[in-house]
Protein backbone atom coordinates (compact mmCIF):
# COMPACT_ATOMS: atom_id res chain seq x y z
CA UNK A 1 156.83 112.39 147.41
CA UNK A 2 159.52 113.83 149.67
CA UNK A 3 160.36 110.40 151.06
CA UNK A 4 160.58 108.95 147.53
CA UNK A 5 162.90 111.75 146.43
CA UNK A 6 165.12 111.21 149.46
CA UNK A 7 165.26 107.49 148.69
CA UNK A 8 166.29 108.16 145.09
CA UNK A 9 168.97 110.63 146.23
CA UNK A 10 170.29 108.10 148.76
CA UNK A 11 170.46 105.40 146.07
CA UNK A 12 172.31 107.78 143.72
CA UNK A 13 174.87 108.79 146.35
CA UNK A 14 175.41 105.14 147.24
CA UNK A 15 176.05 104.29 143.59
CA UNK A 16 178.60 107.13 143.34
CA UNK A 17 180.50 105.83 146.38
CA UNK A 18 180.58 102.31 144.94
CA UNK A 19 181.87 103.65 141.63
CA UNK A 20 184.67 105.51 143.39
CA UNK A 21 185.80 102.51 145.41
CA UNK A 22 185.37 99.77 142.78
CA UNK A 23 186.10 101.77 139.64
CA UNK A 24 183.74 99.59 137.60
CA UNK A 25 180.48 100.86 136.18
CA UNK A 26 179.36 97.27 135.69
CA UNK A 27 179.87 96.48 139.37
CA UNK A 28 178.12 99.73 140.29
CA UNK A 29 175.17 98.75 138.10
CA UNK A 30 174.95 95.34 139.76
CA UNK A 31 174.93 96.87 143.25
CA UNK A 32 172.44 99.55 142.19
CA UNK A 33 170.09 96.90 140.79
CA UNK A 34 170.00 95.19 144.18
CA UNK A 35 168.37 98.28 145.74
CA UNK A 36 165.05 98.29 143.81
CA UNK A 37 164.90 94.49 143.87
CA UNK A 38 165.25 94.47 147.66
CA UNK A 39 162.64 97.21 148.02
CA UNK A 40 160.18 95.39 145.73
CA UNK A 41 160.67 92.19 147.71
CA UNK A 42 160.04 94.11 150.94
CA UNK A 43 156.85 95.64 149.49
CA UNK A 44 155.54 92.19 148.57
CA UNK A 45 156.23 90.96 152.11
CA UNK A 46 154.61 94.09 153.62
CA UNK A 47 151.51 93.49 151.51
CA UNK A 48 151.34 89.90 152.78
CA UNK A 49 151.57 91.21 156.36
CA UNK A 50 148.68 93.64 155.81
CA UNK A 51 150.80 96.80 155.73
CA UNK A 52 150.45 99.69 153.29
CA UNK A 53 152.78 102.17 151.63
CA UNK A 54 152.80 105.11 154.03
CA UNK A 55 155.21 107.66 155.44
CA UNK A 56 156.62 105.25 158.02
CA UNK A 57 157.20 102.34 155.61
CA UNK A 58 158.70 104.65 152.99
CA UNK A 59 160.86 106.23 155.70
CA UNK A 60 162.07 102.78 156.73
CA UNK A 61 162.91 101.89 153.12
CA UNK A 62 164.74 105.20 152.64
CA UNK A 63 166.67 104.51 155.83
CA UNK A 64 167.59 101.04 154.60
CA UNK A 65 168.89 102.14 151.16
CA UNK A 66 172.42 102.56 152.44
CA UNK A 67 172.25 99.19 154.21
CA UNK A 68 170.82 97.31 151.24
CA UNK A 69 174.05 97.63 149.25
CA UNK A 70 176.25 96.18 152.00
CA UNK A 71 175.85 92.50 151.07
CA UNK A 72 176.15 93.09 147.34
CA UNK A 73 179.13 95.44 147.77
CA UNK A 74 181.03 93.06 150.03
CA UNK A 75 180.41 90.13 147.69
CA UNK A 76 181.48 91.98 144.56
CA UNK A 77 184.57 93.32 146.33
CA UNK A 78 185.47 89.79 147.39
CA UNK A 79 184.92 88.53 143.85
CA UNK A 80 187.29 91.24 142.59
CA UNK A 81 189.84 90.08 145.18
CA UNK A 82 189.61 86.49 143.93
CA UNK A 83 189.93 87.70 140.36
CA UNK A 84 193.09 89.58 141.32
CA UNK A 85 194.52 86.25 142.52
CA UNK A 86 194.32 84.92 138.95
CA UNK A 87 191.25 82.72 139.33
CA UNK A 88 188.84 82.28 136.43
CA UNK A 89 185.57 84.17 136.64
CA UNK A 90 183.30 81.26 137.61
CA UNK A 91 185.70 80.04 140.30
CA UNK A 92 186.16 83.62 141.60
CA UNK A 93 182.36 84.01 141.86
CA UNK A 94 181.89 80.72 143.72
CA UNK A 95 184.79 81.27 146.10
CA UNK A 96 183.90 84.91 146.68
CA UNK A 97 180.30 84.05 147.56
CA UNK A 98 181.28 81.10 149.78
CA UNK A 99 183.93 82.95 151.74
CA UNK A 100 181.58 85.70 152.99
CA UNK A 101 178.32 83.75 153.27
CA UNK A 102 178.41 83.26 157.03
CA UNK A 103 179.90 86.66 158.02
CA UNK A 104 177.43 88.48 155.77
CA UNK A 105 174.52 86.48 157.22
CA UNK A 106 175.57 87.29 160.78
CA UNK A 107 175.96 90.99 159.95
CA UNK A 108 172.56 91.10 158.23
CA UNK A 109 170.91 89.23 161.08
CA UNK A 110 172.47 91.65 163.59
CA UNK A 111 170.96 94.61 161.76
CA UNK A 112 167.55 92.96 161.49
CA UNK A 113 167.35 91.69 165.07
CA UNK A 114 167.71 95.22 166.42
CA UNK A 115 164.21 96.03 165.18
CA UNK A 116 162.58 93.07 166.93
CA UNK A 117 162.29 95.20 170.07
CA UNK A 118 159.62 97.26 168.30
CA UNK A 119 157.09 94.45 168.86
CA UNK A 120 157.21 95.17 172.59
CA UNK A 121 155.95 98.74 172.12
CA UNK A 122 152.34 99.60 172.89
CA UNK A 123 150.00 102.50 172.32
CA UNK A 124 150.53 105.01 169.51
CA UNK A 125 154.27 104.24 169.29
CA UNK A 126 153.52 100.64 168.29
CA UNK A 127 151.46 101.67 165.27
CA UNK A 128 153.96 104.35 164.28
CA UNK A 129 157.20 102.37 164.39
CA UNK A 130 156.16 98.80 163.61
CA UNK A 131 155.68 99.49 159.86
CA UNK A 132 159.08 101.21 159.71
CA UNK A 133 160.80 98.32 161.53
CA UNK A 134 159.18 95.76 159.25
CA UNK A 135 160.25 97.72 156.16
CA UNK A 136 163.88 97.90 157.30
CA UNK A 137 164.11 94.30 158.53
CA UNK A 138 162.46 92.70 155.51
CA UNK A 139 164.39 94.75 152.96
CA UNK A 140 167.73 93.96 154.62
CA UNK A 141 167.00 90.23 154.68
CA UNK A 142 165.88 90.46 151.05
CA UNK A 143 169.19 92.09 150.12
CA UNK A 144 171.05 89.16 151.67
CA UNK A 145 169.00 86.62 149.70
CA UNK A 146 169.60 88.57 146.50
CA UNK A 147 173.34 88.69 147.20
CA UNK A 148 173.28 84.87 147.33
CA UNK A 149 171.35 84.44 144.08
CA UNK A 150 170.90 87.35 141.69
CA UNK A 151 174.19 89.15 142.34
CA UNK A 152 176.48 86.20 141.40
CA UNK A 153 174.41 85.65 138.25
CA UNK A 154 174.69 89.29 137.21
CA UNK A 155 178.43 89.24 137.91
CA UNK A 156 178.81 86.24 135.60
CA UNK A 157 177.03 88.05 132.76
CA UNK A 158 178.27 91.63 133.19
CA UNK A 159 181.87 91.21 134.39
CA UNK A 160 182.89 88.68 131.75
CA UNK A 161 183.68 91.38 129.22
CA UNK A 162 185.43 93.49 131.86
CA UNK A 163 187.69 90.56 132.86
CA UNK A 164 188.62 89.88 129.24
CA UNK A 165 189.27 93.58 128.67
CA UNK A 166 191.45 93.66 131.79
CA UNK A 167 193.42 90.63 130.64
CA UNK A 168 194.17 92.42 127.37
CA UNK A 169 196.06 95.08 129.40
CA UNK A 170 194.32 97.89 127.56
CA UNK A 171 194.30 101.53 128.60
CA UNK A 172 192.12 102.19 131.70
CA UNK A 173 188.63 103.54 131.04
CA UNK A 174 187.34 106.94 132.16
CA UNK A 175 185.87 105.45 135.33
CA UNK A 176 189.03 103.45 135.84
CA UNK A 177 191.15 106.60 135.81
CA UNK A 178 188.83 108.25 138.33
CA UNK A 179 189.05 105.13 140.49
CA UNK A 180 192.86 105.07 140.39
CA UNK A 181 193.06 108.78 141.28
CA UNK A 182 190.67 108.26 144.19
CA UNK A 183 192.59 105.21 145.33
CA UNK A 184 195.86 107.15 145.44
CA UNK A 185 194.31 109.69 147.80
CA UNK A 186 192.64 106.95 149.84
CA UNK A 187 195.92 105.04 150.11
CA UNK A 188 197.56 108.13 151.58
CA UNK A 189 194.75 108.39 154.13
CA UNK A 190 195.15 104.71 154.96
CA UNK A 191 198.90 105.12 155.44
CA UNK A 192 198.27 107.93 157.92
CA UNK A 193 195.74 105.76 159.70
CA UNK A 194 198.24 102.90 159.97
CA UNK A 195 200.83 105.29 161.39
CA UNK A 196 198.30 106.59 163.93
CA UNK A 197 197.31 103.06 164.86
CA UNK A 198 200.93 102.14 165.40
CA UNK A 199 201.37 105.12 167.72
CA UNK A 200 198.24 104.12 169.66
CA UNK A 201 199.51 100.55 170.13
CA UNK A 202 202.80 101.91 171.41
CA UNK A 203 201.06 104.18 173.95
CA UNK A 204 198.31 101.96 175.25
CA UNK A 205 197.97 103.47 178.77
CA UNK A 206 197.52 106.94 177.32
CA UNK A 207 194.92 105.72 174.79
CA UNK A 208 192.97 103.91 177.50
CA UNK A 209 193.06 107.06 179.63
CA UNK A 210 191.72 109.21 176.78
CA UNK A 211 189.04 106.61 176.06
CA UNK A 212 187.99 106.54 179.71
CA UNK A 213 187.84 110.34 179.81
CA UNK A 214 185.67 110.43 176.69
CA UNK A 215 183.38 107.77 178.15
CA UNK A 216 183.04 109.68 181.41
CA UNK A 217 182.31 112.91 179.56
CA UNK A 218 179.58 111.17 177.58
CA UNK A 219 178.08 109.78 180.79
CA UNK A 220 178.02 113.27 182.33
CA UNK A 221 176.22 114.63 179.28
CA UNK A 222 173.38 112.08 179.48
CA UNK A 223 171.29 114.16 181.95
CA UNK A 224 171.71 117.18 179.66
CA UNK A 225 170.16 115.42 176.68
CA UNK A 226 166.46 116.18 176.36
CA UNK A 227 163.77 113.49 176.35
CA UNK A 228 160.76 113.75 174.07
CA UNK A 229 158.29 111.25 172.75
CA UNK A 230 158.69 112.48 169.16
CA UNK A 231 160.79 115.21 167.51
CA UNK A 232 159.13 118.54 166.89
CA UNK A 233 157.47 118.98 163.51
CA UNK A 234 157.56 122.31 161.68
CA UNK A 235 154.48 121.78 159.52
CA UNK A 236 153.98 125.49 158.85
CA UNK A 237 150.69 125.58 160.77
CA UNK A 238 149.71 127.40 163.96
CA UNK A 239 146.59 126.63 165.99
CA UNK A 240 145.97 129.31 168.58
CA UNK A 241 143.14 128.99 171.12
CA UNK A 242 141.79 132.31 172.36
CA UNK A 243 139.59 132.53 175.46
CA UNK A 244 137.70 135.72 176.26
CA UNK A 245 136.26 136.36 179.74
CA UNK A 246 133.57 133.83 180.62
CA UNK A 247 130.13 134.85 179.45
CA UNK A 248 131.29 137.06 176.58
CA UNK A 249 128.71 137.19 173.82
CA UNK A 250 129.56 135.84 170.40
CA UNK A 251 129.52 139.31 168.82
CA UNK A 252 132.04 140.68 171.32
CA UNK A 253 134.19 137.55 170.96
CA UNK A 254 134.28 138.14 167.22
CA UNK A 255 135.52 141.71 167.75
CA UNK A 256 138.27 140.43 170.07
CA UNK A 257 139.30 137.88 167.45
CA UNK A 258 139.51 140.60 164.81
CA UNK A 259 141.96 142.57 166.96
CA UNK A 260 143.98 139.42 167.68
CA UNK A 261 144.16 138.74 163.94
CA UNK A 262 145.57 142.22 163.37
CA UNK A 263 148.23 141.55 166.03
CA UNK A 264 149.13 138.23 164.41
CA UNK A 265 149.43 139.96 161.03
CA UNK A 266 151.95 142.36 162.56
CA UNK A 267 153.99 139.46 163.97
CA UNK A 268 153.91 137.25 160.86
CA UNK A 269 154.64 139.22 157.67
CA UNK A 270 152.60 138.75 154.51
CA UNK A 271 155.56 137.07 152.80
CA UNK A 272 155.41 134.20 155.31
CA UNK A 273 151.67 134.09 155.94
CA UNK A 274 149.29 132.24 153.64
CA UNK A 275 145.90 132.33 155.42
CA UNK A 276 144.17 132.98 158.75
CA UNK A 277 140.94 131.19 159.66
CA UNK A 278 138.75 131.66 162.75
CA UNK A 279 136.49 129.11 164.43
CA UNK A 280 134.50 130.91 167.12
CA UNK A 281 132.00 129.47 169.53
CA UNK A 282 130.80 125.99 170.33
CA UNK A 283 130.04 123.68 167.36
CA UNK A 284 126.54 122.29 167.10
CA UNK A 285 125.72 118.72 168.02
CA UNK A 286 126.41 117.31 164.56
CA UNK A 287 129.78 119.00 164.03
CA UNK A 288 130.83 118.34 167.61
CA UNK A 289 130.96 114.62 166.85
CA UNK A 290 133.47 115.03 163.98
CA UNK A 291 135.79 117.73 165.32
CA UNK A 292 138.51 117.89 167.94
CA UNK A 293 137.68 121.48 168.87
CA UNK A 294 138.42 122.48 172.46
CA UNK A 295 135.91 125.34 172.35
CA UNK A 296 133.67 125.50 175.41
CA UNK A 297 131.35 128.43 174.82
CA UNK A 298 130.75 131.57 172.78
CA UNK A 299 133.63 133.20 174.66
CA UNK A 300 136.41 131.19 173.04
CA UNK A 301 137.55 129.91 169.69
CA UNK A 302 140.53 128.97 167.53
CA UNK A 303 142.66 130.92 165.08
CA UNK A 304 144.30 128.74 162.44
CA UNK A 305 147.33 130.25 160.70
CA UNK A 306 148.86 128.65 157.62
CA UNK A 307 152.40 129.65 156.67
CA UNK A 308 153.92 129.56 153.21
CA UNK A 309 156.26 126.77 152.17
CA UNK A 310 158.93 129.29 151.18
CA UNK A 311 158.73 131.17 154.49
CA UNK A 312 161.85 132.67 155.99
CA UNK A 313 160.89 132.49 159.66
CA UNK A 314 160.38 129.33 161.67
CA UNK A 315 156.97 128.39 163.04
CA UNK A 316 158.48 127.97 166.50
CA UNK A 317 159.85 131.53 166.46
CA UNK A 318 156.47 132.99 165.53
CA UNK A 319 154.77 131.02 168.30
CA UNK A 320 157.32 132.30 170.81
CA UNK A 321 156.68 135.91 169.78
CA UNK A 322 152.92 135.45 170.03
CA UNK A 323 153.28 133.96 173.51
CA UNK A 324 155.18 137.07 174.56
CA UNK A 325 153.17 139.81 172.85
CA UNK A 326 149.53 138.70 172.76
CA UNK A 327 148.95 138.38 176.55
CA UNK A 328 150.56 141.80 177.00
CA UNK A 329 148.40 143.44 174.30
CA UNK A 330 145.14 141.73 175.38
CA UNK A 331 144.85 141.65 179.17
CA UNK A 332 142.06 139.43 180.44
CA UNK A 333 142.15 137.22 177.34
CA UNK A 334 143.69 133.75 177.58
CA UNK A 335 145.93 132.21 174.90
CA UNK A 336 147.37 128.76 174.41
CA UNK A 337 148.56 126.82 171.39
CA UNK A 338 147.11 123.51 170.29
CA UNK A 339 148.79 120.88 168.08
CA UNK A 340 148.22 121.88 164.47
CA UNK A 341 149.85 118.97 162.61
CA UNK A 342 148.39 115.47 162.55
CA UNK A 343 151.54 113.83 163.99
CA UNK A 344 151.44 115.90 167.20
CA UNK A 345 147.68 115.44 167.48
CA UNK A 346 148.11 111.66 167.39
CA UNK A 347 150.94 111.70 169.91
CA UNK A 348 148.85 113.87 172.27
CA UNK A 349 146.09 111.23 172.06
CA UNK A 350 143.60 113.87 170.89
CA UNK A 351 144.23 116.27 173.78
CA UNK A 352 144.83 119.95 173.17
CA UNK A 353 148.14 119.88 175.09
CA UNK A 354 150.93 117.35 175.66
CA UNK A 355 150.66 117.85 179.44
CA UNK A 356 147.31 117.11 181.08
CA UNK A 357 147.02 116.84 184.88
CA UNK A 358 143.64 115.60 186.10
CA UNK A 359 142.60 116.59 189.60
CA UNK A 360 139.53 114.70 190.87
CA UNK A 361 137.73 114.62 194.21
CA UNK A 362 134.25 114.39 195.69
CA UNK A 363 134.43 117.91 197.13
CA UNK A 364 134.27 120.22 194.10
CA UNK A 365 135.46 123.35 195.90
CA UNK A 366 138.47 121.66 197.44
CA UNK A 367 139.32 120.00 194.13
CA UNK A 368 139.11 123.34 192.34
CA UNK A 369 141.46 124.99 194.84
CA UNK A 370 143.93 122.10 194.46
CA UNK A 371 143.82 122.45 190.67
CA UNK A 372 144.46 126.19 190.92
CA UNK A 373 147.41 125.58 193.22
CA UNK A 374 148.89 123.06 190.79
CA UNK A 375 148.35 125.53 187.96
CA UNK A 376 150.22 128.27 189.84
CA UNK A 377 153.14 125.98 190.70
CA UNK A 378 153.31 124.54 187.17
CA UNK A 379 153.47 128.04 185.70
CA UNK A 380 156.77 128.55 187.57
CA UNK A 381 158.39 125.42 186.10
CA UNK A 382 161.14 126.21 183.61
CA UNK A 383 160.07 125.15 180.14
CA UNK A 384 156.33 124.98 180.90
CA UNK A 385 154.21 127.25 178.67
CA UNK A 386 150.51 127.87 178.07
CA UNK A 387 149.60 126.70 181.57
CA UNK A 388 145.84 126.95 182.01
CA UNK A 389 142.84 125.36 183.68
CA UNK A 390 140.64 123.80 181.04
CA UNK A 391 137.35 124.15 182.92
CA UNK A 392 136.26 127.77 182.97
CA UNK A 393 134.70 129.03 186.23
CA UNK A 394 132.55 132.06 186.93
CA UNK A 395 130.43 132.40 183.80
CA UNK A 396 127.40 134.66 184.46
CA UNK A 397 124.00 132.99 184.30
CA UNK A 398 120.37 133.76 184.95
CA UNK A 399 118.78 131.44 187.51
CA UNK A 400 115.02 130.92 187.19
CA UNK A 401 113.08 130.05 190.35
CA UNK A 402 109.63 128.71 189.50
CA UNK A 403 106.87 128.99 192.08
CA UNK A 404 105.52 125.47 191.81
CA UNK A 405 102.38 126.22 193.80
CA UNK A 406 101.33 129.08 191.55
CA UNK A 407 102.36 127.10 188.45
CA UNK A 408 100.22 124.17 189.62
CA UNK A 409 97.26 126.42 190.19
CA UNK A 410 97.65 127.66 186.61
CA UNK A 411 97.76 124.09 185.30
CA UNK A 412 101.52 124.05 184.55
CA UNK A 413 104.29 121.74 185.70
CA UNK A 414 107.99 122.46 186.08
CA UNK A 415 108.60 120.63 182.82
CA UNK A 416 106.02 122.74 180.98
CA UNK A 417 107.76 125.92 182.11
CA UNK A 418 111.19 124.60 181.12
CA UNK A 419 109.97 123.52 177.67
CA UNK A 420 108.37 126.90 177.01
CA UNK A 421 111.59 128.71 177.98
CA UNK A 422 113.66 126.38 175.81
CA UNK A 423 111.40 126.89 172.81
CA UNK A 424 111.59 130.67 173.13
CA UNK A 425 115.33 130.95 173.80
CA UNK A 426 116.79 127.91 172.00
CA UNK A 427 114.07 127.05 169.46
CA UNK A 428 111.58 124.20 169.29
CA UNK A 429 114.27 122.02 167.67
CA UNK A 430 115.77 121.41 171.13
CA UNK A 431 112.48 120.11 172.56
CA UNK A 432 110.96 118.38 169.54
CA UNK A 433 113.02 118.30 166.31
CA UNK A 434 111.03 118.76 163.11
CA UNK A 435 112.20 118.46 159.50
CA UNK A 436 110.89 119.41 156.09
CA UNK A 437 111.84 117.23 153.14
CA UNK A 438 112.40 119.00 149.85
CA UNK A 439 110.29 117.01 147.34
CA UNK A 440 112.69 117.82 144.49
CA UNK A 441 116.02 116.91 146.11
CA UNK A 442 114.93 114.76 149.05
CA UNK A 443 117.14 116.77 151.42
CA UNK A 444 115.80 117.23 154.97
CA UNK A 445 115.89 120.73 156.47
CA UNK A 446 115.29 121.42 160.18
CA UNK A 447 112.25 123.56 160.95
CA UNK A 448 112.17 125.38 164.29
CA UNK A 449 110.22 128.10 166.06
CA UNK A 450 112.05 130.63 168.23
CA UNK A 451 111.62 134.09 169.64
CA UNK A 452 113.79 136.57 167.66
CA UNK A 453 117.01 137.09 169.58
CA UNK A 454 116.89 140.87 169.26
CA UNK A 455 113.67 140.88 171.29
CA UNK A 456 115.36 139.08 174.22
CA UNK A 457 117.51 142.00 175.36
CA UNK A 458 116.71 142.30 179.09
CA UNK A 459 115.39 140.40 182.08
CA UNK A 460 112.06 142.14 181.61
CA UNK A 461 111.77 140.70 178.11
CA UNK A 462 112.39 137.23 179.54
CA UNK A 463 109.59 137.78 182.06
CA UNK A 464 107.18 138.26 179.15
CA UNK A 465 107.86 134.82 177.64
CA UNK A 466 104.47 133.09 177.21
CA UNK A 467 104.04 129.65 178.77
CA UNK A 468 102.12 126.93 176.98
CA UNK A 469 100.97 123.44 177.91
CA UNK A 470 98.33 120.95 176.73
CA UNK A 471 94.95 121.82 178.18
CA UNK A 472 95.98 125.30 179.39
CA UNK A 473 92.84 127.49 179.31
CA UNK A 474 94.42 130.92 179.74
CA UNK A 475 97.94 132.06 178.69
CA UNK A 476 100.49 132.73 181.40
CA UNK A 477 103.69 134.80 181.45
CA UNK A 478 106.96 133.62 182.92
CA UNK A 479 107.21 136.62 185.23
CA UNK A 480 103.89 135.70 186.86
CA UNK A 481 105.12 132.26 187.96
CA UNK A 482 108.79 132.75 188.76
CA UNK A 483 111.69 135.07 189.54
CA UNK A 484 115.08 135.49 187.85
CA UNK A 485 118.38 135.90 189.73
CA UNK A 486 121.90 136.64 188.54
CA UNK A 487 124.42 133.94 189.50
CA UNK A 488 127.66 132.39 188.23
CA UNK A 489 128.21 128.89 186.89
CA UNK A 490 131.06 126.79 185.46
CA UNK A 491 131.48 127.07 181.71
CA UNK A 492 131.86 123.30 181.52
CA UNK A 493 131.69 120.57 184.18
CA UNK A 494 133.81 117.42 183.90
CA UNK A 495 133.42 114.26 185.97
CA UNK A 496 135.57 111.16 186.33
CA UNK A 497 134.06 108.22 188.18
CA UNK A 498 131.26 110.54 189.35
CA UNK A 499 133.87 112.88 190.88
CA UNK A 500 134.26 116.53 189.81
CA UNK A 501 137.42 116.72 187.72
CA UNK A 502 139.59 119.67 186.69
CA UNK A 503 142.26 119.48 183.97
CA UNK A 504 145.44 121.54 184.26
CA UNK A 505 147.07 121.59 180.83
CA UNK A 506 150.37 122.96 179.58
CA UNK A 507 152.80 122.88 176.68
CA UNK A 508 156.60 122.86 176.49
CA UNK A 509 158.82 125.65 175.19
CA UNK A 510 162.64 125.86 175.08
CA UNK A 511 162.86 122.58 176.98
CA UNK A 512 162.06 118.90 176.62
CA UNK A 513 159.00 117.04 177.76
CA UNK A 514 160.99 114.71 180.02
CA UNK A 515 162.50 117.54 182.08
CA UNK A 516 159.16 119.27 182.54
CA UNK A 517 157.55 115.94 183.37
CA UNK A 518 160.09 115.33 186.13
CA UNK A 519 159.22 118.68 187.71
CA UNK A 520 155.51 117.91 187.44
CA UNK A 521 156.06 114.66 189.30
CA UNK A 522 157.52 116.65 192.17
CA UNK A 523 154.49 118.95 192.21
CA UNK A 524 151.78 116.31 192.17
């Protein structure tokens, strides 16, 4: 809707400018009619090419509105010039159209050919900008064809009465008086321009020197201009990822999130805040396939903040304040911001950060140290924010050592012990899924057996887990066949080409992606 409104506003402003310069509401109507006709022709061509009406095509059409009136405006202006020479209407139309046919075609072709370069793009940029380029190019060419056909016909029907009225030397109309008043001011501006041009022609060395100085200044400013793949989008959404110390239980993580929410509420006032939503812990197998969550365990999660449309503060300013205050108020807790709007998510290719450095090697310990070193150096780069290592290290775990000899004597295998532990701690659904179908609705519900979690509250309670297996004559306890040790383990392990891989990720703040990328190239 916003793009449509902008297109209508652009068409209205264009019509006002034509009315001021031509002073004829009939001519303004003719030019204004060429806009929807060109857009409709472009939509038909886009449909034939398999495109749809989307933000990019509508943006291209809105961009082309000001260009679409060029051919019609030039032709009508030239027809008015031929009419001023005393030619009859039909002859003025034919001569006016013939005189500008080639220049208008070259100008239209020059505008259209600029967008041909879009076909050489690849990746996400190709699918983003190709529809926009097609919309602009097709609509501009359609405006030229209409200026050769429909515009002369409309001039013949609509300007006939205006020409006869002008020949009668009647009093100028309301629009005519506005046009004459505007022309008087514009003529004064043109006279000053002619005087300035005459001075420039008389002082050519000085003009060339000023031009060279301006060109040199522009060249010196090129390195200062930032480079980004896409402009920043203030969608009024914040997606904050919070990471508690590795191994934190879900209940404790929830308490940390509650305190973080209170801190966010202090930073973002109620007048600008619409809602806060938490997603804590790792999604289950079904949801994991349809979400882009970067959660790794029960120790981390996301806080989604929606801002009001009539907010006073900028999303970027709130993010900056949270980056400064939250790490100071919550030591030991990690924070980084993920892309919240769909445009940034697409441009990041689904990653949680625009910068992702992958460090891979066969030696996991050496690779981990190299990733940590890159993380430390990247954190010192100006403009780099939210620098973190994606793979968490050092999560506490309980390591079970099974005495295979004693287990074999009891009639149990390593697999039997593992299945029994899984059933008790993670439910029978992990080992052998079972479902119950509701006879009334036909909906399947998972049925699982599991030891109540409140009974598993110590290592001693784990030792009392009963072990079962087909053909087992007497029940056995886990503590009789194995020992439990406390160790640490990675929260998540990533491999690339069978090599342990660590991802160092970062975002950009108060800088551009190109400048930070150049510094990263020096680091790696």
